[in-house]
Amino acid sequence: MGTFRAIVFSSVIAGFTVGLIVTGLQQFGTVPLILKAEVFEKAVEAHQGAHAAPGPQETVASHSHSDHVHAAEAWEPRDGLERNAYTAAANVLTAIGFALLLAGFFSERSDGRERVVA
């Protein structure tokens, strides 16, 4: 039971540390690109919403989908602290899971034998 506890404890510590590092790097590298893309997407949605009225040339085969809603608007976190907290939590949990997988594979590979490298 001691080996299992050591594997889990070291994986949680390593995953937490790496998850926070990845979150920090993501804030400077990826998040600005995502925010720019969201501005573009919202502008496209607003533009498509402005053309919601069907024209006289439209036929049944070529109808506009903007005049009816297929599904309710999806939930998304508010910008700022809430969004960053969810991002950090997802990164930390992913890193912990990956660390657990690696530690499990390493412990299986060792089979309790110590290997001496000359």
Protein backbone atom coordinates (compact mmCIF):
# COMPACT_ATOMS: atom_id res chain seq x y z
CA MET A 1 0.00 0.00 0.00
CA GLY A 2 2.96 2.31 0.59
CA THR A 3 4.04 2.13 -3.05
CA PHE A 4 0.54 3.03 -4.26
CA ARG A 5 0.39 5.99 -1.89
CA ALA A 6 3.82 7.19 -3.05
CA ILE A 7 2.79 6.91 -6.72
CA VAL A 8 -0.43 8.85 -6.19
CA PHE A 9 1.17 11.50 -3.98
CA SER A 10 4.08 12.16 -6.34
CA SER A 11 1.72 12.20 -9.34
CA VAL A 12 -0.57 14.75 -7.70
CA ILE A 13 2.34 17.01 -6.75
CA ALA A 14 3.95 16.75 -10.19
CA GLY A 15 0.61 17.18 -11.97
CA PHE A 16 -0.34 20.20 -9.90
CA THR A 17 3.02 21.85 -10.55
CA VAL A 18 3.05 21.12 -14.28
CA GLY A 19 -0.62 22.10 -14.64
CA LEU A 20 0.06 25.51 -13.13
CA ILE A 21 3.11 26.00 -15.36
CA VAL A 22 1.09 25.05 -18.45
CA THR A 23 -1.68 27.44 -17.38
CA GLY A 24 0.83 30.27 -17.04
CA LEU A 25 2.31 29.58 -20.46
CA GLN A 26 -1.16 29.27 -21.95
CA GLN A 27 -2.17 32.68 -20.61
CA PHE A 28 0.59 34.34 -22.64
CA GLY A 29 0.63 32.15 -25.75
CA THR A 30 -2.78 30.67 -26.45
CA VAL A 31 -5.37 32.81 -24.68
CA PRO A 32 -4.69 35.99 -26.71
CA LEU A 33 -5.26 34.01 -29.92
CA ILE A 34 -8.48 32.51 -28.56
CA LEU A 35 -9.78 35.94 -27.54
CA LYS A 36 -9.05 37.36 -31.00
CA ALA A 37 -10.82 34.40 -32.62
CA GLU A 38 -13.86 34.89 -30.38
CA VAL A 39 -14.10 38.54 -31.44
CA PHE A 40 -14.08 37.39 -35.06
CA GLU A 41 -16.69 34.67 -34.40
CA LYS A 42 -19.03 37.08 -32.62
CA ALA A 43 -18.71 39.57 -35.48
CA VAL A 44 -19.63 36.84 -37.98
CA GLU A 45 -22.62 35.79 -35.85
CA ALA A 46 -23.80 39.40 -35.61
CA HIS A 47 -23.38 39.80 -39.37
CA GLN A 48 -25.38 36.64 -40.06
CA GLY A 49 -28.05 37.75 -37.61
CA ALA A 50 -28.45 41.03 -39.50
CA HIS A 51 -29.36 39.11 -42.65
CA ALA A 52 -32.06 37.02 -40.98
CA ALA A 53 -34.95 38.32 -43.10
CA PRO A 54 -35.50 36.05 -46.11
CA GLY A 55 -35.23 37.69 -49.50
CA PRO A 56 -37.70 37.32 -52.35
CA GLN A 57 -35.29 35.14 -54.38
CA GLU A 58 -34.97 32.48 -51.68
CA THR A 59 -36.50 29.13 -52.42
CA VAL A 60 -37.35 26.26 -50.12
CA ALA A 61 -34.11 24.47 -51.03
CA SER A 62 -31.92 27.46 -50.16
CA HIS A 63 -33.35 28.80 -46.91
CA SER A 64 -31.57 30.70 -44.19
CA HIS A 65 -30.92 28.93 -40.89
CA SER A 66 -30.62 32.17 -38.97
CA ASP A 67 -34.40 32.63 -38.79
CA HIS A 68 -34.85 29.72 -36.38
CA VAL A 69 -32.86 28.30 -33.51
CA HIS A 70 -31.84 24.65 -33.48
CA ALA A 71 -30.62 24.55 -29.89
CA ALA A 72 -30.39 26.80 -26.89
CA GLU A 73 -27.27 28.90 -26.55
CA ALA A 74 -24.44 26.93 -24.95
CA TRP A 75 -23.15 27.83 -21.51
CA GLU A 76 -19.75 29.45 -21.30
CA PRO A 77 -17.88 30.89 -18.32
CA ARG A 78 -17.62 34.62 -17.84
CA ASP A 79 -14.41 36.25 -18.98
CA GLY A 80 -11.79 36.91 -16.34
CA LEU A 81 -11.31 34.96 -13.13
CA GLU A 82 -14.01 32.34 -13.75
CA ARG A 83 -12.69 31.44 -17.18
CA ASN A 84 -9.07 31.34 -15.99
CA ALA A 85 -10.01 29.19 -12.98
CA TYR A 86 -11.75 26.62 -15.18
CA THR A 87 -8.78 26.60 -17.53
CA ALA A 88 -6.34 26.10 -14.65
CA ALA A 89 -8.49 23.33 -13.14
CA ALA A 90 -8.68 21.51 -16.48
CA ASN A 91 -4.93 21.82 -17.01
CA VAL A 92 -4.11 20.61 -13.48
CA LEU A 93 -6.49 17.63 -13.69
CA THR A 94 -5.12 16.66 -17.11
CA ALA A 95 -1.54 16.87 -15.85
CA ILE A 96 -2.38 14.79 -12.75
CA GLY A 97 -4.01 12.12 -14.92
CA PHE A 98 -1.03 12.03 -17.25
CA ALA A 99 1.38 11.84 -14.29
CA LEU A 100 -0.62 8.93 -12.84
CA LEU A 101 -0.40 7.08 -16.16
CA LEU A 102 3.34 7.65 -16.42
CA ALA A 103 3.99 6.63 -12.82
CA GLY A 104 1.90 3.49 -13.28
CA PHE A 105 3.79 2.52 -16.42
CA PHE A 106 7.13 3.17 -14.75
CA SER A 107 6.21 1.10 -11.70
CA GLU A 108 5.06 -1.80 -13.91
CA ARG A 109 8.22 -1.66 -15.94
CA SER A 110 10.48 -1.84 -12.91
CA ASP A 111 8.83 -5.04 -11.56
CA GLY A 112 10.46 -4.38 -8.21
CA ARG A 113 13.92 -4.93 -9.68
CA GLU A 114 16.55 -2.25 -9.52
CA ARG A 115 18.48 -1.82 -12.73
CA VAL A 116 22.12 -0.86 -12.49
CA VAL A 117 23.51 1.25 -15.30
CA ALA A 118 27.27 0.99 -15.73
